N, C-alpha and C. Protein backbone atom coordinates (compact mmCIF):
# COMPACT_ATOMS: atom_id res chain seq x y z
N UNK A 1 93.58 81.66 96.65
CA UNK A 1 92.08 81.23 97.04
C UNK A 1 91.28 80.80 95.91
N UNK A 2 90.82 79.65 95.94
CA UNK A 2 90.10 78.98 94.79
C UNK A 2 88.73 79.39 94.75
N UNK A 3 87.85 79.13 94.15
CA UNK A 3 86.59 79.39 94.17
C UNK A 3 85.69 78.98 95.69
N UNK A 4 85.74 78.13 96.53
CA UNK A 4 85.67 77.93 97.86
C UNK A 4 86.33 78.68 98.63
N UNK A 5 86.06 79.29 99.63
CA UNK A 5 86.68 80.07 100.66
C UNK A 5 86.37 79.20 101.89
N UNK A 6 87.75 78.90 102.64
CA UNK A 6 87.80 78.23 103.52
C UNK A 6 87.80 79.20 105.12
N UNK A 7 87.87 78.42 105.92
CA UNK A 7 87.23 79.57 107.51
C UNK A 7 87.72 78.67 108.73
N UNK A 8 88.30 79.35 109.34
CA UNK A 8 88.72 78.32 110.86
C UNK A 8 87.45 79.62 111.59
N UNK A 9 86.46 78.98 112.50
CA UNK A 9 85.92 80.19 113.47
C UNK A 9 86.44 79.50 114.94
N UNK A 10 86.79 80.82 116.00
CA UNK A 10 87.47 80.42 116.79
C UNK A 10 86.28 81.20 118.00
N UNK A 11 85.69 80.84 118.67
CA UNK A 11 84.41 81.28 120.16
C UNK A 11 84.34 80.07 120.84
N UNK A 12 84.20 80.43 122.16
CA UNK A 12 84.48 79.76 123.51
C UNK A 12 82.64 79.43 123.72
N UNK A 13 81.67 80.07 122.62
CA UNK A 13 80.30 79.70 123.15
C UNK A 13 79.84 78.58 121.83
N UNK A 14 79.97 77.12 122.29
CA UNK A 14 79.39 76.38 121.07
C UNK A 14 77.96 75.90 120.55
N UNK A 15 77.23 76.85 121.42
CA UNK A 15 75.86 76.88 120.54
C UNK A 15 75.91 77.97 119.43
N UNK A 16 76.66 79.01 120.13
CA UNK A 16 76.38 80.15 119.02
C UNK A 16 77.66 80.09 117.59
N UNK A 17 78.72 78.91 118.49
CA UNK A 17 80.02 78.70 117.06
C UNK A 17 78.66 77.97 116.53
N UNK A 18 77.85 77.25 116.49
CA UNK A 18 77.04 75.82 115.74
C UNK A 18 76.18 76.79 114.67
N UNK A 19 75.83 77.52 115.26
CA UNK A 19 74.96 78.94 114.65
C UNK A 19 75.48 79.68 113.79
N UNK A 20 76.34 80.53 114.12
CA UNK A 20 77.55 80.73 113.14
C UNK A 20 77.76 80.09 111.86
N UNK A 21 78.22 78.82 111.98
CA UNK A 21 79.06 77.63 111.34
C UNK A 21 77.50 77.50 110.42
N UNK A 22 76.49 77.28 110.66
CA UNK A 22 74.92 76.76 109.87
C UNK A 22 74.62 77.68 109.02
N UNK A 23 74.71 78.97 109.37
CA UNK A 23 74.85 80.59 108.55
C UNK A 23 76.08 80.47 107.14
N UNK A 24 77.24 80.32 107.67
CA UNK A 24 78.18 80.47 107.10
C UNK A 24 77.65 79.25 105.65
N UNK A 25 77.60 78.19 106.12
CA UNK A 25 77.70 76.69 105.64
C UNK A 25 76.43 76.57 104.81
N UNK A 26 75.23 77.76 104.85
CA UNK A 26 74.17 77.89 103.91
C UNK A 26 74.75 78.07 102.67
N UNK A 27 76.12 78.78 102.44
CA UNK A 27 75.88 79.39 101.27
C UNK A 27 77.27 78.31 100.28
N UNK A 28 76.70 78.36 99.20
CA UNK A 28 77.82 77.19 98.64
C UNK A 28 79.41 77.61 98.13
N UNK A 29 79.41 78.89 98.07
CA UNK A 29 80.83 78.96 98.59
C UNK A 29 81.93 79.06 99.42
N UNK A 30 81.52 78.85 100.60
CA UNK A 30 82.04 78.96 101.88
C UNK A 30 82.37 77.99 103.32
N UNK A 31 83.25 77.30 103.06
CA UNK A 31 83.29 76.39 103.43
C UNK A 31 84.07 76.23 105.09
N UNK A 32 83.53 76.00 106.28
CA UNK A 32 84.44 75.89 107.77
C UNK A 32 85.19 74.83 107.37
N UNK A 33 86.16 74.57 107.62
CA UNK A 33 87.40 73.82 107.86
C UNK A 33 87.72 73.45 109.10
N UNK A 34 87.31 74.14 109.92
CA UNK A 34 87.78 74.32 111.36
C UNK A 34 87.43 74.90 112.86
N UNK A 35 86.79 74.47 114.21
CA UNK A 35 86.36 75.16 114.89
C UNK A 35 87.51 74.97 115.99
N UNK A 36 87.41 76.07 116.95
CA UNK A 36 88.34 76.43 118.10
C UNK A 36 87.43 77.09 118.78
N UNK A 37 87.77 76.59 120.23
CA UNK A 37 87.05 77.38 121.42
C UNK A 37 87.74 78.41 122.18
N UNK A 38 89.46 78.12 121.72
CA UNK A 38 90.38 79.68 122.19
C UNK A 38 91.03 79.63 121.11
N UNK A 39 92.14 80.79 121.64
CA UNK A 39 93.02 81.47 120.70
C UNK A 39 94.32 80.56 120.44
N UNK A 40 94.26 79.90 121.30
CA UNK A 40 95.57 78.60 121.06
C UNK A 40 95.28 77.63 120.19
N UNK A 41 94.20 77.07 120.58
CA UNK A 41 93.47 75.94 119.34
C UNK A 41 93.25 76.54 118.20
N UNK A 42 93.04 78.04 117.82
CA UNK A 42 92.79 78.32 116.64
C UNK A 42 94.16 78.80 115.58
N UNK A 43 94.95 78.85 116.16
CA UNK A 43 96.76 79.07 115.87
C UNK A 43 97.05 78.13 115.28
N UNK A 44 96.41 76.68 116.11
CA UNK A 44 97.24 75.09 115.36
C UNK A 44 95.96 74.57 114.30
N UNK A 45 94.75 75.47 114.63
CA UNK A 45 94.04 75.29 113.29
C UNK A 45 94.47 75.58 111.93
N UNK A 46 94.77 76.89 112.35
CA UNK A 46 95.56 77.54 111.15
C UNK A 46 96.79 76.75 110.28
N UNK A 47 97.45 76.98 111.21
CA UNK A 47 98.78 76.38 110.81
C UNK A 47 98.34 74.46 110.01
N UNK A 48 97.02 73.84 110.61
CA UNK A 48 97.36 73.02 109.98
C UNK A 48 95.91 73.05 108.69
N UNK A 49 95.22 73.75 108.64
CA UNK A 49 94.39 74.00 107.51
C UNK A 49 94.57 75.03 106.71
N UNK A 50 95.56 75.77 106.97
CA UNK A 50 96.00 77.40 105.93
C UNK A 50 94.32 77.93 105.58
N UNK A 51 93.56 78.58 106.22
CA UNK A 51 92.26 78.89 105.97
C UNK A 51 92.54 80.14 104.82
N UNK A 52 91.68 80.97 104.42
CA UNK A 52 91.45 81.74 103.86
C UNK A 52 91.38 82.80 104.86
N UNK A 53 90.27 82.73 106.05
CA UNK A 53 89.80 83.66 106.69
C UNK A 53 90.09 82.57 108.12
N UNK A 54 89.70 83.60 109.03
CA UNK A 54 89.95 83.15 110.52
C UNK A 54 88.59 84.43 111.07
N UNK A 55 87.63 83.70 112.20
CA UNK A 55 86.57 84.36 112.53
C UNK A 55 87.06 84.19 114.02
N UNK A 56 87.64 85.53 114.83
CA UNK A 56 88.36 85.46 116.10
C UNK A 56 86.97 86.15 117.52
N UNK A 57 86.39 85.26 118.08
CA UNK A 57 85.89 86.07 119.06
C UNK A 57 86.90 87.10 120.07
N UNK A 58 86.75 88.27 120.38
CA UNK A 58 87.81 88.87 120.90
C UNK A 58 87.83 88.21 122.54
N UNK A 59 86.74 87.88 122.97
CA UNK A 59 87.05 86.95 124.30
C UNK A 59 87.27 85.95 124.37
N UNK A 60 88.28 85.43 124.76
CA UNK A 60 88.03 83.95 124.77
C UNK A 60 89.14 83.53 125.60
N UNK A 61 88.92 82.04 126.32
CA UNK A 61 89.83 81.65 127.43
C UNK A 61 91.56 81.36 127.13
N UNK A 62 92.30 81.47 127.84
CA UNK A 62 93.78 81.49 127.34
C UNK A 62 93.97 82.63 126.12
N UNK A 63 94.91 82.43 125.30
CA UNK A 63 94.96 83.36 123.92
C UNK A 63 93.84 84.30 123.56
N UNK A 64 93.35 85.25 124.00
CA UNK A 64 92.07 86.06 123.64
C UNK A 64 92.37 86.21 121.87
N UNK A 65 91.19 86.65 121.44
CA UNK A 65 91.07 87.62 119.73
C UNK A 65 92.39 88.45 119.86
N UNK A 66 92.93 89.50 120.44
CA UNK A 66 93.76 90.13 119.94
C UNK A 66 95.10 89.30 120.30
N UNK A 67 95.52 88.75 121.10
CA UNK A 67 96.48 87.89 121.10
C UNK A 67 96.42 86.83 119.95
N UNK A 68 95.79 86.33 119.40
CA UNK A 68 95.50 85.20 118.40
C UNK A 68 95.81 85.92 116.75
N UNK A 69 94.98 86.90 117.02
CA UNK A 69 95.28 87.99 115.75
C UNK A 69 96.75 88.79 115.26
N UNK A 70 97.47 88.78 116.98
CA UNK A 70 98.68 89.75 116.85
C UNK A 70 99.70 88.44 116.35
N UNK A 71 99.57 87.21 116.38
CA UNK A 71 100.49 85.90 116.16
C UNK A 71 100.00 85.81 115.06
N UNK A 72 99.02 85.79 114.19
CA UNK A 72 98.41 85.52 112.88
C UNK A 72 99.42 86.73 112.10
N UNK A 73 99.54 87.98 112.22
CA UNK A 73 99.59 89.01 111.22
C UNK A 73 100.89 89.23 111.86
N UNK A 74 101.79 88.92 112.82
CA UNK A 74 103.09 88.81 112.83
C UNK A 74 103.80 87.68 111.81
N UNK A 75 103.25 87.15 111.56
CA UNK A 75 103.70 85.72 110.71
C UNK A 75 103.55 86.16 109.25
N UNK A 76 102.96 87.23 109.10
CA UNK A 76 103.05 87.71 107.78
C UNK A 76 102.30 86.75 106.48
N UNK A 77 101.20 86.09 107.42
CA UNK A 77 100.28 84.82 106.78
C UNK A 77 99.32 85.53 105.71
N UNK A 78 98.84 84.94 104.95
CA UNK A 78 97.70 85.58 103.87
C UNK A 78 96.42 85.52 104.16
N UNK A 79 96.34 84.99 105.72
CA UNK A 79 94.97 84.67 106.08
C UNK A 79 94.57 85.88 106.27
N UNK A 80 93.31 86.46 106.38
CA UNK A 80 92.44 87.19 106.36
C UNK A 80 91.47 87.31 107.80
N UNK A 81 91.85 88.18 108.90
CA UNK A 81 91.56 88.20 110.55
C UNK A 81 90.18 89.04 110.60
N UNK A 82 88.83 88.13 111.08
CA UNK A 82 87.51 89.23 111.47
C UNK A 82 87.51 88.93 113.10
N UNK A 83 87.17 90.01 113.10
CA UNK A 83 86.96 90.00 114.54
C UNK A 83 85.71 89.79 115.03
N UNK A 84 84.66 89.25 115.73
CA UNK A 84 83.63 89.23 115.90
C UNK A 84 83.52 89.01 117.66
N UNK A 85 82.73 90.39 118.13
CA UNK A 85 82.76 91.13 119.44
C UNK A 85 81.77 91.37 119.93
N UNK A 86 80.89 91.78 120.98
CA UNK A 86 79.73 92.27 121.53
C UNK A 86 80.23 93.13 121.90
N UNK A 87 81.43 93.90 122.00
CA UNK A 87 81.89 94.97 122.15
C UNK A 87 81.75 96.24 121.66
N UNK A 88 81.07 97.40 121.60
CA UNK A 88 80.66 98.42 120.56
C UNK A 88 81.42 99.51 121.73
N UNK A 89 82.48 99.28 121.20
CA UNK A 89 83.52 100.52 121.83
C UNK A 89 84.55 100.93 120.57
N UNK A 90 84.79 102.01 121.08
CA UNK A 90 85.74 103.17 119.69
C UNK A 90 86.94 102.60 119.99
N UNK A 91 87.55 102.83 121.17
CA UNK A 91 88.59 102.13 121.39
C UNK A 91 89.06 100.99 121.03
N UNK A 92 88.26 99.83 121.16
CA UNK A 92 88.68 98.44 120.97
C UNK A 92 88.66 98.55 119.36
N UNK A 93 87.92 99.49 118.92
CA UNK A 93 87.52 99.17 117.39
C UNK A 93 88.73 99.68 116.59
N UNK A 94 89.35 101.00 117.37
CA UNK A 94 90.50 101.56 116.65
C UNK A 94 91.83 100.75 117.05
N UNK A 95 91.81 99.62 118.32
CA UNK A 95 93.58 98.65 118.24
C UNK A 95 92.88 97.86 117.34
N UNK A 96 91.88 96.92 116.91
CA UNK A 96 91.75 95.97 115.75
C UNK A 96 92.03 96.65 114.78
N UNK A 97 91.63 97.87 114.15
CA UNK A 97 92.34 98.06 112.85
C UNK A 97 93.72 98.39 112.85
N UNK A 98 94.39 99.25 114.10
CA UNK A 98 95.63 99.44 114.23
C UNK A 98 96.49 97.92 113.98
N UNK A 99 95.82 96.99 114.36
CA UNK A 99 96.60 95.81 114.43
C UNK A 99 96.45 95.11 112.86
N UNK A 100 95.45 95.71 112.48
CA UNK A 100 95.75 94.81 110.93
C UNK A 100 94.51 93.94 110.60
N UNK A 101 93.44 94.09 111.66
CA UNK A 101 92.22 93.10 111.71
C UNK A 101 91.32 93.74 110.34
N UNK A 102 90.89 93.09 109.36
CA UNK A 102 90.54 93.37 108.16
C UNK A 102 89.08 93.42 108.19
N UNK A 103 88.41 92.78 109.22
CA UNK A 103 87.03 92.59 109.55
C UNK A 103 86.45 92.78 110.46
N UNK A 104 85.53 93.71 110.93
CA UNK A 104 84.74 93.94 112.13
C UNK A 104 83.53 94.07 112.78
N UNK A 105 82.85 92.96 113.22
CA UNK A 105 81.28 92.47 113.25
C UNK A 105 81.19 91.90 114.60
N UNK A 106 80.06 92.57 114.64
CA UNK A 106 79.42 93.02 116.15
C UNK A 106 78.72 91.77 116.14
N UNK A 107 78.48 91.19 117.09
CA UNK A 107 77.72 89.59 117.27
C UNK A 107 76.39 89.96 117.02
N UNK A 108 75.84 90.86 117.77
CA UNK A 108 74.23 91.37 117.36
C UNK A 108 73.73 91.10 116.22
N UNK A 109 74.59 91.39 115.30
CA UNK A 109 74.26 91.42 114.10
C UNK A 109 75.40 90.55 113.15
N UNK A 110 75.95 89.90 113.87
CA UNK A 110 76.82 88.87 112.99
C UNK A 110 76.01 88.20 111.95
N UNK A 111 75.06 87.24 112.46
CA UNK A 111 74.55 86.21 111.11
C UNK A 111 74.24 86.86 110.03
N UNK A 112 73.62 88.18 110.12
CA UNK A 112 73.10 88.34 108.63
C UNK A 112 74.21 89.42 107.87
N UNK A 113 75.37 89.52 108.95
CA UNK A 113 76.62 90.64 108.27
C UNK A 113 77.55 88.96 107.81
N UNK A 114 78.02 87.91 108.06
CA UNK A 114 79.10 87.54 108.29
C UNK A 114 79.37 87.00 107.13
N UNK A 115 78.19 86.61 106.19
CA UNK A 115 78.75 86.24 105.21
C UNK A 115 79.64 86.71 103.87
N UNK A 116 78.49 87.95 104.31
CA UNK A 116 79.21 89.75 102.90
C UNK A 116 80.56 89.81 103.90
N UNK A 117 80.76 89.82 105.45
CA UNK A 117 81.96 89.98 105.55
C UNK A 117 83.05 89.15 104.99
N UNK A 118 82.81 88.02 105.03
CA UNK A 118 84.39 86.78 105.09
C UNK A 118 83.98 87.42 103.23
N UNK A 119 83.68 87.33 102.37
CA UNK A 119 83.69 87.26 101.26
C UNK A 119 84.34 88.86 100.82
N UNK A 120 84.15 89.40 101.52
CA UNK A 120 85.00 91.19 101.51
C UNK A 120 86.60 90.88 102.06
N UNK A 121 86.68 90.15 103.20
CA UNK A 121 88.10 90.02 103.69
C UNK A 121 88.83 88.64 103.00
N UNK A 122 88.32 87.85 102.43
CA UNK A 122 88.68 86.65 101.25
C UNK A 122 89.40 88.03 100.40
N UNK A 123 88.62 88.45 99.63
CA UNK A 123 89.05 89.16 98.78
C UNK A 123 89.86 90.54 99.04
N UNK A 124 90.46 90.56 100.57
CA UNK A 124 91.70 91.59 99.99
C UNK A 124 90.93 92.83 100.73
N UNK A 125 89.61 92.86 100.95
CA UNK A 125 88.91 93.83 101.55
C UNK A 125 88.40 94.21 103.04
N UNK A 126 88.10 95.53 103.21
CA UNK A 126 87.61 95.39 104.64
C UNK A 126 86.31 95.30 104.18
N UNK A 127 85.81 94.84 106.19
CA UNK A 127 84.87 95.08 105.76
C UNK A 127 83.91 95.23 107.79
N UNK A 128 83.42 96.61 108.12
CA UNK A 128 82.67 97.04 109.07
C UNK A 128 81.63 96.98 109.48
N UNK A 129 81.10 96.29 110.34
CA UNK A 129 79.73 96.72 111.05
C UNK A 129 79.02 98.09 110.74
N UNK A 130 77.98 98.04 110.21
CA UNK A 130 77.37 99.43 110.02
C UNK A 130 77.28 100.34 111.10
N UNK A 131 76.37 99.73 112.09
CA UNK A 131 76.24 100.29 113.57
C UNK A 131 77.90 101.13 113.57
N UNK A 132 79.29 100.69 113.05
CA UNK A 132 80.07 101.64 113.32
C UNK A 132 80.73 102.85 112.44
N UNK A 133 79.93 102.81 111.94
CA UNK A 133 80.54 103.81 110.59
C UNK A 133 80.88 105.37 110.90
N UNK A 134 80.20 105.26 112.23
CA UNK A 134 80.93 106.55 112.77
C UNK A 134 82.21 106.74 113.57
N UNK A 135 83.02 105.17 114.07
CA UNK A 135 84.01 105.46 114.40
C UNK A 135 84.71 105.72 113.26
N UNK A 136 84.80 105.34 112.38
CA UNK A 136 85.34 105.45 110.62
C UNK A 136 85.32 106.62 110.64
N UNK A 137 84.62 107.57 110.61
CA UNK A 137 84.00 109.26 110.55
C UNK A 137 85.19 109.69 111.43
N UNK A 138 85.12 109.29 112.71
CA UNK A 138 86.14 109.90 113.60
C UNK A 138 87.49 109.58 113.17
N UNK A 139 87.70 108.25 113.14
CA UNK A 139 89.26 107.68 112.50
C UNK A 139 89.49 108.73 111.45
N UNK A 140 88.69 109.01 110.19
CA UNK A 140 89.04 109.89 109.08
C UNK A 140 89.58 111.47 109.47
N UNK A 141 88.36 111.72 111.00
CA UNK A 141 88.87 113.25 110.99
C UNK A 141 90.13 113.31 111.81
N UNK A 142 90.58 111.92 112.42
CA UNK A 142 91.93 112.23 113.28
C UNK A 142 93.17 112.31 112.33
N UNK A 143 92.44 111.70 110.83
CA UNK A 143 93.63 111.17 109.83
C UNK A 143 94.24 112.92 109.08
N UNK A 144 92.89 113.49 108.88
CA UNK A 144 93.12 114.58 108.38
C UNK A 144 93.90 115.90 109.28
N UNK A 145 93.35 115.99 110.60
CA UNK A 145 93.81 116.62 111.68
C UNK A 145 95.74 116.56 111.60
N UNK A 146 95.68 115.41 112.02
CA UNK A 146 97.36 114.78 111.68
C UNK A 146 98.55 115.64 110.79
N UNK A 147 97.47 115.41 110.05
CA UNK A 147 97.92 115.83 108.38
C UNK A 147 98.38 116.91 108.35
N UNK A 148 97.30 117.79 108.95
CA UNK A 148 97.30 119.42 109.08
C UNK A 148 98.37 119.72 109.83
N UNK A 149 98.39 119.00 110.82
CA UNK A 149 99.64 118.98 111.89
C UNK A 149 100.77 118.54 111.48
N UNK A 150 101.08 117.81 110.96
CA UNK A 150 102.59 117.69 110.50
C UNK A 150 102.83 117.19 108.88
N UNK A 151 102.49 118.08 108.01
CA UNK A 151 102.69 118.24 106.69
C UNK A 151 103.57 117.52 106.00
N UNK A 152 104.46 116.56 106.68
CA UNK A 152 105.35 115.78 106.34
C UNK A 152 105.02 114.34 106.36
N UNK A 153 103.96 114.38 106.62
CA UNK A 153 103.15 112.82 106.62
C UNK A 153 103.13 112.57 104.87
N UNK A 154 103.32 114.03 104.07
CA UNK A 154 102.29 113.84 103.14
C UNK A 154 103.66 113.10 102.06
N UNK A 155 105.20 113.48 102.72
CA UNK A 155 106.11 113.27 101.84
C UNK A 155 106.77 111.12 102.07
N UNK A 156 106.12 110.97 103.10
CA UNK A 156 106.51 109.56 103.39
C UNK A 156 106.10 108.64 102.33
N UNK A 157 106.82 107.61 101.78
CA UNK A 157 107.00 106.95 100.88
C UNK A 157 106.00 105.68 100.95
N UNK A 158 105.37 105.02 100.57
CA UNK A 158 104.62 103.80 100.77
C UNK A 158 105.82 103.10 101.54
N UNK A 159 107.00 102.74 101.29
CA UNK A 159 107.98 101.93 102.53
C UNK A 159 107.92 102.28 103.58
N UNK A 160 107.62 104.32 103.87
CA UNK A 160 108.26 104.83 104.65
C UNK A 160 107.06 104.82 105.38
N UNK A 161 105.90 104.47 104.98
CA UNK A 161 103.99 104.79 105.64
C UNK A 161 104.23 102.94 106.40
N UNK A 162 104.78 102.19 105.57
CA UNK A 162 104.57 100.86 106.34
C UNK A 162 105.77 100.36 107.70
N UNK A 163 106.60 101.16 107.11
CA UNK A 163 107.70 100.74 108.59
C UNK A 163 106.64 102.06 109.91
N UNK A 164 106.76 102.68 109.43
CA UNK A 164 106.28 103.74 110.61
C UNK A 164 104.88 102.74 111.45
N UNK A 165 103.96 102.04 110.47
CA UNK A 165 102.76 101.25 111.28
C UNK A 165 103.44 100.32 111.72
N UNK A 166 104.52 99.37 111.44
CA UNK A 166 104.91 98.58 112.48
C UNK A 166 105.49 98.92 113.25
N UNK A 167 105.80 100.63 113.33
CA UNK A 167 106.86 100.98 114.36
C UNK A 167 105.66 100.89 115.36
N UNK A 168 104.89 101.82 114.69
CA UNK A 168 103.56 101.69 115.72
C UNK A 168 102.88 100.76 116.41
N UNK A 169 103.07 99.53 115.88
CA UNK A 169 102.76 98.21 116.51
C UNK A 169 103.58 97.76 117.41
N UNK A 170 105.11 98.28 117.74
CA UNK A 170 105.65 98.28 118.54
C UNK A 170 106.93 97.25 117.96
N UNK A 171 106.93 96.60 116.70
CA UNK A 171 108.00 96.10 116.31
C UNK A 171 109.24 96.88 116.43
N UNK A 172 110.87 96.04 116.74
CA UNK A 172 111.84 96.48 116.67
C UNK A 172 112.62 96.64 115.20
N UNK A 173 113.61 97.52 114.81
CA UNK A 173 114.24 97.31 113.44
C UNK A 173 114.30 95.77 113.15
N UNK A 174 114.79 95.10 114.21
CA UNK A 174 115.28 93.55 114.08
C UNK A 174 113.78 92.79 113.23
N UNK A 175 112.80 93.01 114.07
CA UNK A 175 111.56 92.58 113.59
C UNK A 175 110.86 92.66 111.90
N UNK A 176 111.10 94.24 112.05
CA UNK A 176 110.81 94.92 111.02
C UNK A 176 111.68 94.52 109.78
N UNK A 177 112.82 94.31 109.83
CA UNK A 177 113.36 93.67 108.89
C UNK A 177 112.84 92.42 108.15
N UNK A 178 113.21 91.40 109.46
CA UNK A 178 112.66 89.99 109.15
C UNK A 178 111.14 90.04 108.57
N UNK A 179 110.35 90.80 108.93
CA UNK A 179 109.29 90.65 108.33
C UNK A 179 108.90 91.38 107.01
N UNK A 180 109.88 92.26 106.62
CA UNK A 180 109.72 92.36 105.24
C UNK A 180 111.36 92.49 104.51
N UNK A 181 111.90 91.68 105.08
CA UNK A 181 112.70 90.98 104.09
C UNK A 181 113.79 91.76 103.63
N UNK A 182 114.14 92.60 104.70
CA UNK A 182 114.86 93.65 104.11
C UNK A 182 116.05 93.67 105.06
N UNK A 183 117.50 94.63 105.30
CA UNK A 183 118.12 94.55 105.95
C UNK A 183 118.01 95.28 107.28
N UNK A 184 118.56 95.12 108.46
CA UNK A 184 118.39 96.55 109.77
C UNK A 184 118.87 97.62 109.14
N UNK A 185 119.86 97.84 108.60
CA UNK A 185 120.59 98.51 107.93
C UNK A 185 119.54 99.44 107.19
N UNK A 186 119.05 98.93 106.62
CA UNK A 186 117.75 99.44 105.59
C UNK A 186 116.38 100.11 106.24
N UNK A 187 116.37 99.43 107.36
CA UNK A 187 115.06 99.78 108.23
C UNK A 187 115.97 100.92 108.91
N UNK A 188 116.76 100.72 109.37
CA UNK A 188 117.71 102.42 110.04
C UNK A 188 117.16 103.69 109.08
N UNK A 189 118.00 103.12 108.01
CA UNK A 189 117.61 104.30 107.49
C UNK A 189 116.34 105.13 107.15
N UNK A 190 115.48 104.20 106.61
CA UNK A 190 114.01 104.47 106.74
C UNK A 190 113.49 105.35 107.77
N UNK A 191 114.10 104.75 108.96
CA UNK A 191 113.46 105.32 110.69
C UNK A 191 113.97 106.58 110.38
N UNK A 192 115.50 106.65 110.02
CA UNK A 192 116.48 108.07 110.16
C UNK A 192 115.32 109.37 108.68
N UNK A 193 114.87 108.99 107.96
CA UNK A 193 114.12 109.79 106.84
C UNK A 193 113.29 109.93 107.21
N UNK A 194 112.44 109.09 108.04
CA UNK A 194 111.05 109.43 108.38
C UNK A 194 111.24 110.36 109.75
N UNK A 195 111.96 110.15 110.29
CA UNK A 195 112.34 111.25 111.77
C UNK A 195 112.23 112.58 111.46
N UNK A 196 113.43 112.88 110.04
CA UNK A 196 113.27 113.91 109.53
C UNK A 196 112.15 114.72 108.73
N UNK A 197 111.66 113.75 107.88
CA UNK A 197 110.24 114.57 107.38
C UNK A 197 109.49 114.49 108.32
N UNK A 198 109.57 114.29 109.35
CA UNK A 198 108.27 114.50 110.15
C UNK A 198 108.71 115.46 111.28
N UNK A 199 110.00 116.13 110.84
CA UNK A 199 110.74 116.77 111.74
C UNK A 199 110.72 116.45 113.47
N UNK A 200 111.01 115.37 113.99
CA UNK A 200 110.98 114.65 115.12
C UNK A 200 112.33 115.12 115.75
N UNK A 201 112.50 115.35 117.20
CA UNK A 201 113.52 115.40 117.78
C UNK A 201 113.68 114.94 119.20
N UNK A 202 114.59 114.04 119.60
CA UNK A 202 114.93 113.46 121.00
C UNK A 202 114.53 111.75 120.87
N UNK A 203 115.37 111.65 122.16
CA UNK A 203 115.45 110.38 121.99
C UNK A 203 113.92 109.50 121.33
N UNK A 204 113.93 108.56 121.08
CA UNK A 204 112.88 107.87 121.07
C UNK A 204 111.44 108.87 120.19
N UNK A 205 111.72 109.62 119.79
CA UNK A 205 110.59 110.55 119.70
C UNK A 205 110.01 109.88 118.80
N UNK A 206 110.15 109.06 117.67
CA UNK A 206 110.00 108.44 116.41
C UNK A 206 108.62 107.02 116.77
N UNK A 207 109.26 106.71 117.63
CA UNK A 207 108.66 105.42 118.42
C UNK A 207 107.05 106.61 119.06
N UNK A 208 107.51 107.38 119.78
CA UNK A 208 106.35 108.16 120.80
C UNK A 208 105.77 108.52 119.79
N UNK A 209 105.44 109.13 118.44
CA UNK A 209 104.93 109.37 117.38
C UNK A 209 104.53 108.30 117.11
N UNK A 210 104.54 107.71 117.00
CA UNK A 210 104.29 106.88 116.32
C UNK A 210 103.26 105.98 116.75
N UNK A 211 103.24 105.63 118.08
CA UNK A 211 102.25 104.87 119.31
C UNK A 211 100.89 105.85 119.40
N UNK A 212 101.85 107.01 119.62
CA UNK A 212 100.49 108.13 120.37
C UNK A 212 99.56 108.37 118.97
N UNK A 213 100.07 108.34 117.59
CA UNK A 213 99.37 108.78 116.55
C UNK A 213 98.52 107.17 115.79
N UNK A 214 99.17 106.22 115.98
CA UNK A 214 98.98 104.98 115.28
C UNK A 214 97.08 104.82 114.70
N UNK A 215 96.38 105.50 115.09
CA UNK A 215 94.95 105.44 114.72
C UNK A 215 94.65 106.65 113.56
N UNK A 216 95.98 106.91 113.20
CA UNK A 216 95.59 108.40 112.57
C UNK A 216 96.88 108.12 111.21
N UNK A 217 97.39 107.20 110.68
CA UNK A 217 97.86 107.12 109.73
C UNK A 217 97.63 105.44 108.79
């Protein structure tokens, strides 16, 4: 990332998009390189301009924000993803963080917050709208509860934790291998180690555990 942070905005409301762009470009270090009105166009703009950050409205025609974010994150690109939404719901918030979204901003507070969010995400940090702090506290509480119930989670290596998160996102062993540039045999060995450390038993027990607890690790 250079001194100027480049951004793609995807939102299907042109008036809101125009206001957001104006706020962003009032800052000398921020530059909007493209706009899109749907997720499919956003993906094309990202491929063309390779921005540092993309801002995605969750509700868009065609590919919505979640579908576009999934495509971006699965490509393992360096683009930081920010969700912009009017939905102040804990389930949506957790689903976004589980996916790997770095920024989460409510539309009613977007204009005063968006520039700070962009800079944080471009620097590899997370940014969450302050009104959502309760959701973060709840999420942290669930993490601690999981650690008490399943102490083996402490024994996972960083590589095993990463693979557990990918399993929780419903990636297959082949997809994980391709994403991490390792062999399928290595992935399967990690899966076996994780299963043993978490004391899981039964067919698909690891997948069930990962999906059930994906908001907690």
